[in-house]
Amino acid sequence: MRQEISRPAASSAKSEKALLAALRRWFWMRKPDAGFVLTDFPATLLQAMVFDEWLDARNEALDAVFVGRNTSTELIEYYRNHGLLSEVF
């Protein structure tokens, strides 16, 4: 799954859908309010927005988002605007 997440933004819509489907299954199968740490996900703004919808549906929220050098500017701004950004360089 890590390879799918790390693919460039130009990846096909089919692989994006497959990745989101796999992560959706994981997300909905876990116990409510079970803690988790995700690495390299979300990798795109679309993934971040979809993940936020999943969190809202379960009445859950992120505590923080840690970003590194390879994080896209739009993701950094998205999480900065939500007050969740923690930069690690």
PDB file of N, CA and C in Angstrom:
ATOM      1  N   MET A   1       0.825  -1.183   0.000  1.00  0.00           N
ATOM      2  CA  MET A   1       0.000   0.000   0.000  1.00  0.00           C
ATOM      3  C   MET A   1       0.872   1.251   0.000  1.00  0.00           C
ATOM      4  N   ARG A   2       2.026   1.205   0.644  1.00  0.00           N
ATOM      5  CA  ARG A   2       2.922   2.365   0.696  1.00  0.00           C
ATOM      6  C   ARG A   2       3.292   2.817  -0.710  1.00  0.00           C
ATOM      7  N   GLN A   3       3.528   1.877  -1.653  1.00  0.00           N
ATOM      8  CA  GLN A   3       3.868   2.253  -3.015  1.00  0.00           C
ATOM      9  C   GLN A   3       2.734   3.019  -3.666  1.00  0.00           C
ATOM     10  N   GLU A   4       1.519   2.599  -3.435  1.00  0.00           N
ATOM     11  CA  GLU A   4       0.366   3.288  -4.006  1.00  0.00           C
ATOM     12  C   GLU A   4       0.252   4.705  -3.464  1.00  0.00           C
ATOM     13  N   ILE A   5       0.471   4.889  -2.189  1.00  0.00           N
ATOM     14  CA  ILE A   5       0.353   6.201  -1.570  1.00  0.00           C
ATOM     15  C   ILE A   5       1.432   7.132  -2.090  1.00  0.00           C
ATOM     16  N   SER A   6       2.625   6.621  -2.289  1.00  0.00           N
ATOM     17  CA  SER A   6       3.762   7.458  -2.648  1.00  0.00           C
ATOM     18  C   SER A   6       3.864   7.787  -4.127  1.00  0.00           C
ATOM     19  N   ARG A   7       2.986   7.273  -4.943  1.00  0.00           N
ATOM     20  CA  ARG A   7       3.049   7.550  -6.376  1.00  0.00           C
ATOM     21  C   ARG A   7       2.855   9.031  -6.638  1.00  0.00           C
ATOM     22  N   PRO A   8       3.416   9.536  -7.740  1.00  0.00           N
ATOM     23  CA  PRO A   8       3.249  10.944  -8.094  1.00  0.00           C
ATOM     24  C   PRO A   8       1.786  11.308  -8.291  1.00  0.00           C
ATOM     25  N   ALA A   9       1.497  12.599  -8.220  1.00  0.00           N
ATOM     26  CA  ALA A   9       0.124  13.078  -8.351  1.00  0.00           C
ATOM     27  C   ALA A   9      -0.485  12.693  -9.687  1.00  0.00           C
ATOM     28  N   ALA A  10       0.327  12.377 -10.683  1.00  0.00           N
ATOM     29  CA  ALA A  10      -0.174  12.025 -12.006  1.00  0.00           C
ATOM     30  C   ALA A  10      -0.669  10.580 -12.075  1.00  0.00           C
ATOM     31  N   SER A  11      -0.744   9.885 -10.942  1.00  0.00           N
ATOM     32  CA  SER A  11      -1.195   8.498 -10.948  1.00  0.00           C
ATOM     33  C   SER A  11      -2.617   8.416 -11.469  1.00  0.00           C
ATOM     34  N   SER A  12      -2.978   7.274 -11.980  1.00  0.00           N
ATOM     35  CA  SER A  12      -4.289   7.105 -12.602  1.00  0.00           C
ATOM     36  C   SER A  12      -5.403   7.181 -11.571  1.00  0.00           C
ATOM     37  N   ALA A  13      -6.564   7.577 -12.058  1.00  0.00           N
ATOM     38  CA  ALA A  13      -7.740   7.654 -11.199  1.00  0.00           C
ATOM     39  C   ALA A  13      -8.098   6.275 -10.665  1.00  0.00           C
ATOM     40  N   LYS A  14      -7.808   5.233 -11.452  1.00  0.00           N
ATOM     41  CA  LYS A  14      -8.108   3.863 -11.032  1.00  0.00           C
ATOM     42  C   LYS A  14      -7.302   3.478  -9.793  1.00  0.00           C
ATOM     43  N   SER A  15      -6.001   3.788  -9.790  1.00  0.00           N
ATOM     44  CA  SER A  15      -5.192   3.439  -8.625  1.00  0.00           C
ATOM     45  C   SER A  15      -5.566   4.288  -7.417  1.00  0.00           C
ATOM     46  N   GLU A  16      -5.960   5.539  -7.647  1.00  0.00           N
ATOM     47  CA  GLU A  16      -6.423   6.406  -6.553  1.00  0.00           C
ATOM     48  C   GLU A  16      -7.679   5.816  -5.910  1.00  0.00           C
ATOM     49  N   LYS A  17      -8.590   5.339  -6.732  1.00  0.00           N
ATOM     50  CA  LYS A  17      -9.819   4.726  -6.213  1.00  0.00           C
ATOM     51  C   LYS A  17      -9.515   3.445  -5.444  1.00  0.00           C
ATOM     52  N   ALA A  18      -8.580   2.646  -5.960  1.00  0.00           N
ATOM     53  CA  ALA A  18      -8.211   1.400  -5.285  1.00  0.00           C
ATOM     54  C   ALA A  18      -7.577   1.683  -3.924  1.00  0.00           C
ATOM     55  N   LEU A  19      -6.710   2.683  -3.875  1.00  0.00           N
ATOM     56  CA  LEU A  19      -6.081   3.060  -2.611  1.00  0.00           C
ATOM     57  C   LEU A  19      -7.122   3.525  -1.604  1.00  0.00           C
ATOM     58  N   LEU A  20      -7.998   4.418  -2.032  1.00  0.00           N
ATOM     59  CA  LEU A  20      -9.028   4.925  -1.115  1.00  0.00           C
ATOM     60  C   LEU A  20      -9.965   3.809  -0.663  1.00  0.00           C
ATOM     61  N   ALA A  21     -10.265   2.869  -1.546  1.00  0.00           N
ATOM     62  CA  ALA A  21     -11.122   1.743  -1.165  1.00  0.00           C
ATOM     63  C   ALA A  21     -10.458   0.891  -0.090  1.00  0.00           C
ATOM     64  N   ALA A  22      -9.164   0.606  -0.255  1.00  0.00           N
ATOM     65  CA  ALA A  22      -8.441  -0.206   0.732  1.00  0.00           C
ATOM     66  C   ALA A  22      -8.365   0.513   2.076  1.00  0.00           C
ATOM     67  N   LEU A  23      -8.063   1.798   2.060  1.00  0.00           N
ATOM     68  CA  LEU A  23      -7.978   2.549   3.313  1.00  0.00           C
ATOM     69  C   LEU A  23      -9.352   2.741   3.947  1.00  0.00           C
ATOM     70  N   ARG A  24     -10.374   2.872   3.131  1.00  0.00           N
ATOM     71  CA  ARG A  24     -11.731   2.991   3.664  1.00  0.00           C
ATOM     72  C   ARG A  24     -12.119   1.727   4.429  1.00  0.00           C
ATOM     73  N   ARG A  25     -11.797   0.559   3.849  1.00  0.00           N
ATOM     74  CA  ARG A  25     -12.097  -0.703   4.548  1.00  0.00           C
ATOM     75  C   ARG A  25     -11.387  -0.744   5.899  1.00  0.00           C
ATOM     76  N   TRP A  26     -10.100  -0.395   5.904  1.00  0.00           N
ATOM     77  CA  TRP A  26      -9.355  -0.381   7.168  1.00  0.00           C
ATOM     78  C   TRP A  26     -10.006   0.580   8.163  1.00  0.00           C
ATOM     79  N   PHE A  27     -10.306   1.787   7.709  1.00  0.00           N
ATOM     80  CA  PHE A  27     -10.837   2.828   8.592  1.00  0.00           C
ATOM     81  C   PHE A  27     -12.148   2.392   9.241  1.00  0.00           C
ATOM     82  N   TRP A  28     -13.042   1.837   8.457  1.00  0.00           N
ATOM     83  CA  TRP A  28     -14.355   1.467   8.988  1.00  0.00           C
ATOM     84  C   TRP A  28     -14.333   0.171   9.782  1.00  0.00           C
ATOM     85  N   MET A  29     -13.300  -0.666   9.652  1.00  0.00           N
ATOM     86  CA  MET A  29     -13.214  -1.915  10.404  1.00  0.00           C
ATOM     87  C   MET A  29     -12.581  -1.719  11.782  1.00  0.00           C
ATOM     88  N   ARG A  30     -11.849  -0.627  11.972  1.00  0.00           N
ATOM     89  CA  ARG A  30     -11.193  -0.408  13.257  1.00  0.00           C
ATOM     90  C   ARG A  30     -12.221  -0.007  14.314  1.00  0.00           C
ATOM     91  N   LYS A  31     -11.870  -0.220  15.555  1.00  0.00           N
ATOM     92  CA  LYS A  31     -12.764   0.137  16.650  1.00  0.00           C
ATOM     93  C   LYS A  31     -12.917   1.653  16.726  1.00  0.00           C
ATOM     94  N   PRO A  32     -14.111   2.127  17.074  1.00  0.00           N
ATOM     95  CA  PRO A  32     -14.301   3.577  17.202  1.00  0.00           C
ATOM     96  C   PRO A  32     -13.325   4.166  18.216  1.00  0.00           C
ATOM     97  N   ASP A  33     -12.785   5.297  17.885  1.00  0.00           N
ATOM     98  CA  ASP A  33     -11.846   6.034  18.727  1.00  0.00           C
ATOM     99  C   ASP A  33     -10.537   5.288  18.997  1.00  0.00           C
ATOM    100  N   ALA A  34     -10.238   4.259  18.217  1.00  0.00           N
ATOM    101  CA  ALA A  34      -8.940   3.593  18.343  1.00  0.00           C
ATOM    102  C   ALA A  34      -7.891   4.522  17.740  1.00  0.00           C
ATOM    103  N   GLY A  35      -6.837   4.762  18.448  1.00  0.00           N
ATOM    104  CA  GLY A  35      -5.789   5.641  17.939  1.00  0.00           C
ATOM    105  C   GLY A  35      -5.084   5.034  16.742  1.00  0.00           C
ATOM    106  N   PHE A  36      -4.472   5.873  15.949  1.00  0.00           N
ATOM    107  CA  PHE A  36      -3.732   5.400  14.791  1.00  0.00           C
ATOM    108  C   PHE A  36      -2.738   6.466  14.354  1.00  0.00           C
ATOM    109  N   VAL A  37      -1.735   6.015  13.620  1.00  0.00           N
ATOM    110  CA  VAL A  37      -0.768   6.897  12.983  1.00  0.00           C
ATOM    111  C   VAL A  37      -0.672   6.434  11.534  1.00  0.00           C
ATOM    112  N   LEU A  38      -0.855   7.335  10.608  1.00  0.00           N
ATOM    113  CA  LEU A  38      -0.735   7.019   9.190  1.00  0.00           C
ATOM    114  C   LEU A  38       0.529   7.663   8.648  1.00  0.00           C
ATOM    115  N   THR A  39       1.254   6.921   7.846  1.00  0.00           N
ATOM    116  CA  THR A  39       2.463   7.438   7.223  1.00  0.00           C
ATOM    117  C   THR A  39       2.210   7.578   5.725  1.00  0.00           C
ATOM    118  N   ASP A  40       2.494   8.744   5.178  1.00  0.00           N
ATOM    119  CA  ASP A  40       2.338   9.023   3.746  1.00  0.00           C
ATOM    120  C   ASP A  40       0.889   9.038   3.278  1.00  0.00           C
ATOM    121  N   PHE A  41      -0.039   9.140   4.158  1.00  0.00           N
ATOM    122  CA  PHE A  41      -1.447   9.300   3.795  1.00  0.00           C
ATOM    123  C   PHE A  41      -2.057  10.298   4.750  1.00  0.00           C
ATOM    124  N   PRO A  42      -2.800  11.238   4.227  1.00  0.00           N
ATOM    125  CA  PRO A  42      -3.096  11.476   2.824  1.00  0.00           C
ATOM    126  C   PRO A  42      -1.914  12.103   2.099  1.00  0.00           C
ATOM    127  N   ALA A  43      -1.784  11.760   0.826  1.00  0.00           N
ATOM    128  CA  ALA A  43      -0.680  12.281   0.022  1.00  0.00           C
ATOM    129  C   ALA A  43      -1.139  13.350  -0.961  1.00  0.00           C
ATOM    130  N   THR A  44      -2.458  13.478  -1.120  1.00  0.00           N
ATOM    131  CA  THR A  44      -2.997  14.489  -2.032  1.00  0.00           C
ATOM    132  C   THR A  44      -4.111  15.253  -1.315  1.00  0.00           C
ATOM    133  N   LEU A  45      -4.456  16.380  -1.868  1.00  0.00           N
ATOM    134  CA  LEU A  45      -5.548  17.164  -1.288  1.00  0.00           C
ATOM    135  C   LEU A  45      -6.856  16.387  -1.349  1.00  0.00           C
ATOM    136  N   LEU A  46      -7.111  15.686  -2.444  1.00  0.00           N
ATOM    137  CA  LEU A  46      -8.328  14.882  -2.562  1.00  0.00           C
ATOM    138  C   LEU A  46      -8.384  13.834  -1.450  1.00  0.00           C
ATOM    139  N   GLN A  47      -7.281  13.145  -1.206  1.00  0.00           N
ATOM    140  CA  GLN A  47      -7.241  12.140  -0.143  1.00  0.00           C
ATOM    141  C   GLN A  47      -7.509  12.776   1.213  1.00  0.00           C
ATOM    142  N   ALA A  48      -6.966  13.954   1.451  1.00  0.00           N
ATOM    143  CA  ALA A  48      -7.180  14.650   2.722  1.00  0.00           C
ATOM    144  C   ALA A  48      -8.648  14.992   2.911  1.00  0.00           C
ATOM    145  N   MET A  49      -9.279  15.443   1.863  1.00  0.00           N
ATOM    146  CA  MET A  49     -10.689  15.827   1.950  1.00  0.00           C
ATOM    147  C   MET A  49     -11.582  14.601   2.161  1.00  0.00           C
ATOM    148  N   VAL A  50     -11.282  13.519   1.480  1.00  0.00           N
ATOM    149  CA  VAL A  50     -12.034  12.273   1.663  1.00  0.00           C
ATOM    150  C   VAL A  50     -11.843  11.762   3.086  1.00  0.00           C
ATOM    151  N   PHE A  51     -10.603  11.774   3.570  1.00  0.00           N
ATOM    152  CA  PHE A  51     -10.323  11.315   4.932  1.00  0.00           C
ATOM    153  C   PHE A  51     -11.067  12.164   5.961  1.00  0.00           C
ATOM    154  N   ASP A  52     -11.132  13.457   5.743  1.00  0.00           N
ATOM    155  CA  ASP A  52     -11.897  14.332   6.641  1.00  0.00           C
ATOM    156  C   ASP A  52     -13.373  13.956   6.669  1.00  0.00           C
ATOM    157  N   GLU A  53     -13.925  13.572   5.525  1.00  0.00           N
ATOM    158  CA  GLU A  53     -15.324  13.125   5.477  1.00  0.00           C
ATOM    159  C   GLU A  53     -15.520  11.859   6.305  1.00  0.00           C
ATOM    160  N   TRP A  54     -14.566  10.929   6.209  1.00  0.00           N
ATOM    161  CA  TRP A  54     -14.656   9.703   7.002  1.00  0.00           C
ATOM    162  C   TRP A  54     -14.614  10.024   8.486  1.00  0.00           C
ATOM    163  N   LEU A  55     -13.693  10.902   8.872  1.00  0.00           N
ATOM    164  CA  LEU A  55     -13.584  11.287  10.280  1.00  0.00           C
ATOM    165  C   LEU A  55     -14.867  11.937  10.761  1.00  0.00           C
ATOM    166  N   ASP A  56     -15.425  12.838   9.971  1.00  0.00           N
ATOM    167  CA  ASP A  56     -16.686  13.502  10.342  1.00  0.00           C
ATOM    168  C   ASP A  56     -17.813  12.491  10.512  1.00  0.00           C
ATOM    169  N   ALA A  57     -17.877  11.510   9.628  1.00  0.00           N
ATOM    170  CA  ALA A  57     -18.941  10.504   9.683  1.00  0.00           C
ATOM    171  C   ALA A  57     -18.883   9.689  10.973  1.00  0.00           C
ATOM    172  N   ARG A  58     -17.691   9.527  11.533  1.00  0.00           N
ATOM    173  CA  ARG A  58     -17.548   8.785  12.791  1.00  0.00           C
ATOM    174  C   ARG A  58     -17.404   9.709  13.990  1.00  0.00           C
ATOM    175  N   ASN A  59     -17.600  11.001  13.765  1.00  0.00           N
ATOM    176  CA  ASN A  59     -17.478  11.994  14.827  1.00  0.00           C
ATOM    177  C   ASN A  59     -16.108  11.908  15.505  1.00  0.00           C
ATOM    178  N   GLU A  60     -15.076  11.796  14.674  1.00  0.00           N
ATOM    179  CA  GLU A  60     -13.696  11.737  15.134  1.00  0.00           C
ATOM    180  C   GLU A  60     -12.937  12.921  14.545  1.00  0.00           C
ATOM    181  N   ALA A  61     -11.759  13.184  15.070  1.00  0.00           N
ATOM    182  CA  ALA A  61     -10.932  14.284  14.569  1.00  0.00           C
ATOM    183  C   ALA A  61      -9.461  13.931  14.727  1.00  0.00           C
ATOM    184  N   LEU A  62      -8.644  14.552  13.917  1.00  0.00           N
ATOM    185  CA  LEU A  62      -7.199  14.391  14.040  1.00  0.00           C
ATOM    186  C   LEU A  62      -6.686  15.292  15.149  1.00  0.00           C
ATOM    187  N   ASP A  63      -5.646  14.829  15.840  1.00  0.00           N
ATOM    188  CA  ASP A  63      -4.997  15.652  16.853  1.00  0.00           C
ATOM    189  C   ASP A  63      -3.921  16.524  16.227  1.00  0.00           C
ATOM    190  N   ALA A  64      -3.212  15.971  15.253  1.00  0.00           N
ATOM    191  CA  ALA A  64      -2.136  16.709  14.589  1.00  0.00           C
ATOM    192  C   ALA A  64      -1.789  16.016  13.281  1.00  0.00           C
ATOM    193  N   VAL A  65      -1.182  16.781  12.389  1.00  0.00           N
ATOM    194  CA  VAL A  65      -0.665  16.251  11.131  1.00  0.00           C
ATOM    195  C   VAL A  65       0.795  16.672  11.053  1.00  0.00           C
ATOM    196  N   PHE A  66       1.670  15.698  10.929  1.00  0.00           N
ATOM    197  CA  PHE A  66       3.100  15.968  10.806  1.00  0.00           C
ATOM    198  C   PHE A  66       3.470  15.876   9.335  1.00  0.00           C
ATOM    199  N   VAL A  67       4.156  16.877   8.840  1.00  0.00           N
ATOM    200  CA  VAL A  67       4.567  16.873   7.436  1.00  0.00           C
ATOM    201  C   VAL A  67       6.078  16.966   7.344  1.00  0.00           C
ATOM    202  N   GLY A  68       6.598  16.459   6.247  1.00  0.00           N
ATOM    203  CA  GLY A  68       8.034  16.507   6.002  1.00  0.00           C
ATOM    204  C   GLY A  68       8.341  17.228   4.708  1.00  0.00           C
ATOM    205  N   ARG A  69       9.533  17.054   4.233  1.00  0.00           N
ATOM    206  CA  ARG A  69      10.000  17.763   3.032  1.00  0.00           C
ATOM    207  C   ARG A  69       9.188  17.462   1.785  1.00  0.00           C
ATOM    208  N   ASN A  70       8.700  16.259   1.629  1.00  0.00           N
ATOM    209  CA  ASN A  70       8.024  15.858   0.399  1.00  0.00           C
ATOM    210  C   ASN A  70       6.531  16.140   0.392  1.00  0.00           C
ATOM    211  N   THR A  71       6.026  16.758   1.423  1.00  0.00           N
ATOM    212  CA  THR A  71       4.600  17.059   1.491  1.00  0.00           C
ATOM    213  C   THR A  71       4.281  18.227   0.569  1.00  0.00           C
ATOM    214  N   SER A  72       3.206  18.075  -0.191  1.00  0.00           N
ATOM    215  CA  SER A  72       2.845  19.125  -1.150  1.00  0.00           C
ATOM    216  C   SER A  72       2.434  20.406  -0.419  1.00  0.00           C
ATOM    217  N   THR A  73       2.654  21.512  -1.087  1.00  0.00           N
ATOM    218  CA  THR A  73       2.314  22.821  -0.526  1.00  0.00           C
ATOM    219  C   THR A  73       0.829  22.920  -0.237  1.00  0.00           C
ATOM    220  N   GLU A  74       0.000  22.358  -1.135  1.00  0.00           N
ATOM    221  CA  GLU A  74      -1.447  22.462  -0.908  1.00  0.00           C
ATOM    222  C   GLU A  74      -1.893  21.678   0.323  1.00  0.00           C
ATOM    223  N   LEU A  75      -1.238  20.544   0.598  1.00  0.00           N
ATOM    224  CA  LEU A  75      -1.555  19.798   1.820  1.00  0.00           C
ATOM    225  C   LEU A  75      -1.103  20.560   3.058  1.00  0.00           C
ATOM    226  N   ILE A  76       0.081  21.148   2.971  1.00  0.00           N
ATOM    227  CA  ILE A  76       0.580  21.940   4.095  1.00  0.00           C
ATOM    228  C   ILE A  76      -0.385  23.072   4.413  1.00  0.00           C
ATOM    229  N   GLU A  77      -0.832  23.783   3.391  1.00  0.00           N
ATOM    230  CA  GLU A  77      -1.777  24.891   3.590  1.00  0.00           C
ATOM    231  C   GLU A  77      -3.121  24.392   4.113  1.00  0.00           C
ATOM    232  N   TYR A  78      -3.574  23.273   3.591  1.00  0.00           N
ATOM    233  CA  TYR A  78      -4.853  22.695   4.015  1.00  0.00           C
ATOM    234  C   TYR A  78      -4.838  22.413   5.520  1.00  0.00           C
ATOM    235  N   TYR A  79      -3.795  21.737   5.976  1.00  0.00           N
ATOM    236  CA  TYR A  79      -3.734  21.403   7.398  1.00  0.00           C
ATOM    237  C   TYR A  79      -3.352  22.597   8.269  1.00  0.00           C
ATOM    238  N   ARG A  80      -2.597  23.515   7.737  1.00  0.00           N
ATOM    239  CA  ARG A  80      -2.309  24.758   8.467  1.00  0.00           C
ATOM    240  C   ARG A  80      -3.619  25.526   8.701  1.00  0.00           C
ATOM    241  N   ASN A  81      -4.458  25.607   7.674  1.00  0.00           N
ATOM    242  CA  ASN A  81      -5.745  26.300   7.794  1.00  0.00           C
ATOM    243  C   ASN A  81      -6.688  25.616   8.781  1.00  0.00           C
ATOM    244  N   HIS A  82      -6.497  24.321   8.991  1.00  0.00           N
ATOM    245  CA  HIS A  82      -7.311  23.577   9.951  1.00  0.00           C
ATOM    246  C   HIS A  82      -6.685  23.552  11.350  1.00  0.00           C
ATOM    247  N   GLY A  83      -5.532  24.199  11.504  1.00  0.00           N
ATOM    248  CA  GLY A  83      -4.877  24.264  12.804  1.00  0.00           C
ATOM    249  C   GLY A  83      -4.262  22.956  13.270  1.00  0.00           C
ATOM    250  N   LEU A  84      -3.927  22.080  12.344  1.00  0.00           N
ATOM    251  CA  LEU A  84      -3.412  20.748  12.696  1.00  0.00           C
ATOM    252  C   LEU A  84      -1.954  20.541  12.325  1.00  0.00           C
ATOM    253  N   LEU A  85      -1.339  21.494  11.685  1.00  0.00           N
ATOM    254  CA  LEU A  85      -0.020  21.316  11.102  1.00  0.00           C
ATOM    255  C   LEU A  85       1.110  21.297  12.126  1.00  0.00           C
ATOM    256  N   SER A  86       1.963  20.272  12.012  1.00  0.00           N
ATOM    257  CA  SER A  86       3.212  20.174  12.760  1.00  0.00           C
ATOM    258  C   SER A  86       4.284  19.805  11.755  1.00  0.00           C
ATOM    259  N   GLU A  87       5.203  20.727  11.497  1.00  0.00           N
ATOM    260  CA  GLU A  87       6.225  20.491  10.487  1.00  0.00           C
ATOM    261  C   GLU A  87       7.444  19.803  11.090  1.00  0.00           C
ATOM    262  N   VAL A  88       7.957  18.787  10.401  1.00  0.00           N
ATOM    263  CA  VAL A  88       9.138  18.044  10.826  1.00  0.00           C
ATOM    264  C   VAL A  88      10.090  18.037   9.644  1.00  0.00           C
ATOM    265  N   PHE A  89      11.261  18.670   9.821  1.00  0.00           N
ATOM    266  CA  PHE A  89      12.233  18.723   8.721  1.00  0.00           C
ATOM    267  C   PHE A  89      13.573  18.235   9.173  1.00  0.00           C
TER     268      PHE A  89
END
